[in-house]
Amino acid sequence: MLDAGETAQETLLEVNNIEVIYNHVILVLKGVSLKVPKGGITALLGGNGAGKTTTLKAVSNLLHSERGEVTKGSISYRGERVQDLTPNDLVNKGVIQVMEGRHCFEHLTVEENLLTGAYTRNDGRGAIDADLNMVYDYFPRLKERRRSQAGYTSGGEQQMIALGRALMSRPETILLDEPSMGLAPQLVEQIFGIVKSLNEEEGHTFLLAEQNTNVALRFAHYGYILESGRVVMEGVASDLRENPDVKEFYLGMSDEGRKSFRDVRSYRRRKRWLS
């Protein structure tokens, strides 16, 4: 819905200075703040263990199942505090998370998996069928495989199932965790292209956590970079793509050209935000 570089007027989701602790002792997030504007694609970037998934789970209230809790700060959606709601209540408010790892009900068919995403709805079978056809329009491969057991589909198809199932709940905002994980580059481009289409054509707002900084910054409007549970940099995606530090640490490039992993790793000692 937004052109790259634009800022929406309305903030849907606001995370304000949250801390997250696991098992009453392990501090994972250390004062994370971010805003997700309506109609935008916001990227949460960083390496493995930076705190991206924990941030999404804090928003979607899935921490308790892993003995985690938000111990400081606040999370609000449309101006209403939501961190004490159940995940089901949050889905009813229009926020749903697509989990990392392409979780599917392996024994169900592709179509049965998609229909589980509509279990909270009460607007009738006609509306649900219309949305199912919409999902098949975006994911024609799923229509071809709709009678197949989900456990026998490919990794790319399972990612499509997970995203399609989320769409069946008619969400306003989708929290998308590591959509590129384990997928071939061509499939990654396809998935991100569909995310872009859903944003522009259906009006869905996205907050996506992603290690593949290069791809994410090409499709997102705004980005936050996390390291060790803190936001160390943020900005319009097009600006982050051209930032020398982002090029050096996350894109493997510098003004002198592409560097080897060893060069980048040694350079990290001089990060400006850690000095």
Protein backbone atom coordinates (compact mmCIF):
# COMPACT_ATOMS: atom_id res chain seq x y z
CA MET A 1 0.00 0.00 0.00
CA LEU A 2 2.94 2.34 0.59
CA ASP A 3 5.64 3.36 -1.83
CA ALA A 4 9.14 2.74 -0.55
CA GLY A 5 10.19 5.67 1.61
CA GLU A 6 6.68 6.78 2.53
CA THR A 7 5.41 6.79 6.11
CA ALA A 8 1.82 5.97 6.93
CA GLN A 9 -0.10 8.39 9.14
CA GLU A 10 -1.67 5.73 11.31
CA THR A 11 0.38 3.46 13.56
CA LEU A 12 -1.27 0.07 13.99
CA LEU A 13 1.24 -1.68 16.23
CA GLU A 14 3.54 -0.01 18.74
CA VAL A 15 6.14 -1.80 20.85
CA ASN A 16 7.49 0.50 23.53
CA ASN A 17 10.73 -0.30 25.39
CA ILE A 18 9.94 -3.95 26.13
CA GLU A 19 12.13 -6.39 27.99
CA VAL A 20 11.60 -10.14 27.72
CA ILE A 21 12.92 -12.72 30.17
CA TYR A 22 12.89 -16.51 29.76
CA ASN A 23 12.78 -18.85 32.74
CA HIS A 24 12.79 -15.85 35.11
CA VAL A 25 16.48 -15.27 34.51
CA ILE A 26 17.54 -15.03 30.83
CA LEU A 27 17.17 -11.49 29.50
CA VAL A 28 16.57 -11.72 25.75
CA LEU A 29 15.09 -8.34 24.73
CA LYS A 30 16.60 -5.23 26.30
CA GLY A 31 14.38 -2.25 25.63
CA VAL A 32 13.06 -2.91 22.11
CA SER A 33 10.83 -0.23 20.59
CA LEU A 34 9.29 -0.16 17.13
CA LYS A 35 6.25 1.06 15.22
CA VAL A 36 4.36 -0.65 12.40
CA PRO A 37 2.37 1.74 10.19
CA LYS A 38 -0.89 0.72 8.60
CA GLY A 39 -0.49 -0.51 5.03
CA GLY A 40 3.26 -0.94 5.23
CA ILE A 41 5.84 -3.72 5.19
CA THR A 42 8.16 -3.35 8.18
CA ALA A 43 11.24 -5.55 8.42
CA LEU A 44 12.86 -6.75 11.62
CA LEU A 45 16.41 -7.67 10.67
CA GLY A 46 19.42 -9.27 12.31
CA GLY A 47 21.33 -12.48 12.65
CA ASN A 48 20.38 -15.68 14.41
CA GLY A 49 19.77 -15.02 18.11
CA ALA A 50 19.31 -11.27 17.70
CA GLY A 51 15.80 -11.35 19.19
CA LYS A 52 13.62 -11.14 16.10
CA THR A 53 11.45 -14.18 16.79
CA THR A 54 11.14 -13.27 20.46
CA THR A 55 9.88 -9.83 19.46
CA LEU A 56 7.19 -11.34 17.24
CA LYS A 57 6.15 -13.80 19.93
CA ALA A 58 5.94 -10.98 22.46
CA VAL A 59 3.52 -9.20 20.13
CA SER A 60 1.43 -12.31 19.42
CA ASN A 61 1.44 -13.39 23.08
CA LEU A 62 3.06 -16.75 22.42
CA LEU A 63 5.88 -16.37 24.96
CA HIS A 64 4.19 -18.14 27.86
CA SER A 65 4.32 -21.50 26.10
CA GLU A 66 8.13 -21.18 26.20
CA ARG A 67 8.33 -19.83 29.76
CA GLY A 68 8.95 -16.31 28.55
CA GLU A 69 7.29 -13.08 29.62
CA VAL A 70 7.34 -9.36 28.95
CA THR A 71 8.63 -7.83 32.18
CA LYS A 72 8.87 -4.20 31.15
CA GLY A 73 7.39 -1.85 28.56
CA SER A 74 4.13 -2.05 26.64
CA ILE A 75 2.64 -3.37 23.41
CA SER A 76 -0.39 -1.69 21.88
CA TYR A 77 -2.49 -2.25 18.78
CA ARG A 78 -4.63 0.60 17.50
CA GLY A 79 -3.85 2.40 20.73
CA GLU A 80 -5.10 -0.43 22.96
CA ARG A 81 -2.80 -2.38 25.27
CA VAL A 82 -2.76 -5.97 24.00
CA GLN A 83 0.12 -7.73 25.76
CA ASP A 84 -2.21 -9.40 28.27
CA LEU A 85 -4.64 -10.75 25.67
CA THR A 86 -4.71 -14.39 24.59
CA PRO A 87 -3.38 -15.24 21.11
CA ASN A 88 -6.97 -16.05 20.11
CA ASP A 89 -8.17 -12.61 21.23
CA LEU A 90 -5.39 -11.01 19.20
CA VAL A 91 -6.42 -12.95 16.09
CA ASN A 92 -9.95 -11.62 16.58
CA LYS A 93 -8.47 -8.12 16.59
CA GLY A 94 -6.82 -8.80 13.23
CA VAL A 95 -3.26 -9.79 14.19
CA ILE A 96 -1.89 -13.23 13.33
CA GLN A 97 1.59 -14.75 13.30
CA VAL A 98 3.00 -17.10 10.68
CA MET A 99 5.48 -19.13 12.68
CA GLU A 100 9.05 -19.86 11.71
CA GLY A 101 9.51 -23.36 10.32
CA ARG A 102 6.36 -23.63 8.17
CA HIS A 103 4.21 -25.43 10.73
CA CYS A 104 1.46 -27.44 9.07
CA PHE A 105 -0.94 -30.18 10.12
CA GLU A 106 0.89 -32.88 8.23
CA HIS A 107 -1.94 -35.43 8.28
CA LEU A 108 -4.47 -32.97 6.82
CA THR A 109 -4.75 -32.03 3.16
CA VAL A 110 -3.56 -28.69 1.87
CA GLU A 111 -7.14 -27.40 1.69
CA GLU A 112 -8.00 -28.67 5.16
CA ASN A 113 -4.94 -26.82 6.49
CA LEU A 114 -6.10 -23.62 4.84
CA LEU A 115 -9.60 -23.96 6.24
CA THR A 116 -8.27 -24.27 9.81
CA GLY A 117 -7.30 -20.61 9.47
CA ALA A 118 -10.99 -19.69 9.29
CA TYR A 119 -12.02 -21.39 12.53
CA THR A 120 -12.56 -18.07 14.36
CA ARG A 121 -14.87 -16.68 11.69
CA ASN A 122 -18.65 -16.65 11.78
CA ASP A 123 -19.44 -14.91 8.48
CA GLY A 124 -20.68 -18.00 6.65
CA ARG A 125 -19.39 -20.58 4.24
CA GLY A 126 -19.82 -18.34 1.21
CA ALA A 127 -17.38 -15.75 2.54
CA ILE A 128 -14.92 -18.45 3.55
CA ASP A 129 -15.09 -20.07 0.10
CA ALA A 130 -14.49 -16.67 -1.50
CA ASP A 131 -11.35 -16.20 0.59
CA LEU A 132 -10.20 -19.72 -0.19
CA ASN A 133 -10.43 -18.90 -3.89
CA MET A 134 -8.50 -15.69 -3.22
CA VAL A 135 -5.73 -17.73 -1.56
CA TYR A 136 -5.66 -20.07 -4.57
CA ASP A 137 -5.38 -17.07 -6.88
CA TYR A 138 -2.22 -15.97 -5.05
CA PHE A 139 -0.92 -19.52 -4.63
CA PRO A 140 -1.98 -21.51 -7.72
CA ARG A 141 0.39 -24.29 -6.72
CA LEU A 142 -1.74 -24.89 -3.61
CA LYS A 143 -4.83 -25.27 -5.75
CA GLU A 144 -3.06 -27.97 -7.75
CA ARG A 145 -2.07 -29.76 -4.53
CA ARG A 146 -5.24 -29.05 -2.53
CA ARG A 147 -6.11 -32.75 -2.08
CA SER A 148 -2.55 -33.76 -1.14
CA GLN A 149 -1.47 -34.37 2.44
CA ALA A 150 0.46 -31.34 3.66
CA GLY A 151 3.20 -33.54 5.08
CA TYR A 152 4.12 -34.64 1.55
CA THR A 153 4.46 -31.14 0.10
CA SER A 154 7.73 -29.29 -0.45
CA GLY A 155 9.21 -26.69 1.87
CA GLY A 156 8.12 -23.89 -0.44
CA GLU A 157 4.59 -25.26 -0.63
CA GLN A 158 4.43 -25.54 3.15
CA GLN A 159 5.44 -21.90 3.49
CA MET A 160 2.62 -21.04 1.09
CA ILE A 161 0.22 -23.14 3.19
CA ALA A 162 1.26 -21.33 6.38
CA LEU A 163 0.78 -17.91 4.82
CA GLY A 164 -2.45 -18.92 3.08
CA ARG A 165 -3.84 -20.30 6.34
CA ALA A 166 -3.11 -16.97 8.03
CA LEU A 167 -4.94 -15.13 5.25
CA MET A 168 -8.03 -17.24 5.88
CA SER A 169 -8.48 -15.51 9.25
CA ARG A 170 -8.92 -12.20 7.40
CA PRO A 171 -6.10 -10.47 9.29
CA GLU A 172 -5.28 -6.80 9.17
CA THR A 173 -1.68 -7.36 10.27
CA ILE A 174 0.49 -10.42 9.62
CA LEU A 175 3.59 -11.19 11.68
CA LEU A 176 5.80 -13.23 9.35
CA ASP A 177 8.75 -15.07 10.89
CA GLU A 178 11.72 -16.00 8.67
CA PRO A 179 9.79 -16.64 5.43
CA SER A 180 12.99 -17.35 3.49
CA MET A 181 14.39 -19.98 5.84
CA GLY A 182 15.49 -23.12 4.01
CA LEU A 183 14.10 -22.05 0.65
CA ALA A 184 15.88 -21.81 -2.68
CA PRO A 185 16.53 -18.24 -3.90
CA GLN A 186 13.88 -18.48 -6.63
CA LEU A 187 11.24 -19.51 -4.08
CA VAL A 188 12.32 -16.73 -1.72
CA GLU A 189 11.72 -14.19 -4.48
CA GLN A 190 8.32 -15.75 -5.17
CA ILE A 191 7.24 -15.65 -1.52
CA PHE A 192 8.34 -12.04 -1.07
CA GLY A 193 6.67 -11.09 -4.33
CA ILE A 194 3.40 -12.53 -3.02
CA VAL A 195 3.85 -10.61 0.25
CA LYS A 196 4.28 -7.42 -1.80
CA SER A 197 1.13 -8.20 -3.81
CA LEU A 198 -0.90 -8.93 -0.68
CA ASN A 199 0.26 -5.62 0.76
CA GLU A 200 -0.52 -3.59 -2.34
CA GLU A 201 -3.66 -5.35 -3.56
CA GLU A 202 -5.33 -6.60 -0.36
CA GLY A 203 -4.08 -3.95 2.06
CA HIS A 204 -2.43 -6.32 4.54
CA THR A 205 0.14 -4.82 6.90
CA PHE A 206 3.27 -6.89 7.52
CA LEU A 207 5.88 -7.07 10.26
CA LEU A 208 8.40 -9.62 9.07
CA ALA A 209 11.46 -11.01 10.82
CA GLU A 210 14.16 -11.99 8.37
CA GLN A 211 17.85 -12.88 8.31
CA ASN A 212 18.06 -12.32 4.56
CA THR A 213 18.64 -8.58 4.81
CA ASN A 214 19.24 -8.10 1.10
CA VAL A 215 15.85 -9.49 0.06
CA ALA A 216 13.92 -7.97 2.96
CA LEU A 217 15.17 -4.44 2.31
CA ARG A 218 14.17 -4.68 -1.35
CA PHE A 219 10.54 -5.39 -0.45
CA ALA A 220 10.09 -3.58 2.89
CA HIS A 221 9.30 0.10 3.39
CA TYR A 222 11.00 0.49 6.76
CA GLY A 223 13.46 -1.60 8.74
CA TYR A 224 14.78 -2.17 12.24
CA ILE A 225 18.07 -3.97 12.87
CA LEU A 226 18.42 -5.97 16.08
CA GLU A 227 21.57 -7.20 17.75
CA SER A 228 21.73 -8.95 21.11
CA GLY A 229 18.17 -7.97 21.95
CA ARG A 230 18.50 -4.27 21.12
CA VAL A 231 17.53 -2.12 18.15
CA VAL A 232 20.84 -0.75 16.90
CA MET A 233 19.63 0.94 13.72
CA GLU A 234 16.38 1.84 11.98
CA GLY A 235 15.32 3.72 8.91
CA VAL A 236 13.58 3.78 5.55
CA ALA A 237 14.49 0.58 3.72
CA SER A 238 16.02 2.37 0.74
CA ASP A 239 18.28 4.35 3.10
CA LEU A 240 19.33 1.24 5.01
CA ARG A 241 20.27 -0.46 1.75
CA GLU A 242 22.73 2.36 1.06
CA ASN A 243 24.05 2.66 4.62
CA PRO A 244 27.77 1.72 4.69
CA ASP A 245 27.46 -0.20 7.97
CA VAL A 246 24.48 -2.22 6.72
CA LYS A 247 26.35 -3.01 3.52
CA GLU A 248 29.41 -4.04 5.52
CA PHE A 249 27.79 -6.15 8.23
CA TYR A 250 24.66 -7.56 6.59
CA LEU A 251 25.07 -7.40 2.82
CA GLY A 252 28.73 -8.44 2.70
CA MET A 253 29.69 -5.35 0.72
CA SER A 254 31.58 -2.11 1.25
CA ASP A 255 32.52 0.93 -0.78
CA GLU A 256 35.51 -1.10 -1.97
CA GLY A 257 33.29 -3.94 -3.15
CA ARG A 258 32.20 -7.30 -1.78
CA LYS A 259 34.20 -8.65 1.14
CA SER A 260 34.83 -12.14 2.36
CA PHE A 261 33.09 -13.41 5.48
CA ARG A 262 36.41 -13.30 7.34
CA ASP A 263 36.89 -9.63 6.47
CA VAL A 264 33.37 -8.75 7.56
CA ARG A 265 33.72 -10.68 10.81
CA SER A 266 36.93 -8.86 11.75
CA TYR A 267 35.44 -5.50 10.80
CA ARG A 268 32.52 -6.02 13.15
CA ARG A 269 34.77 -5.07 16.04
CA ARG A 270 34.54 -1.49 14.80
CA LYS A 271 30.75 -1.21 14.64
CA ARG A 272 29.84 2.41 15.23
CA TRP A 273 26.81 1.60 17.38
CA LEU A 274 28.93 -0.52 19.76
CA SER A 275 31.76 1.97 20.16
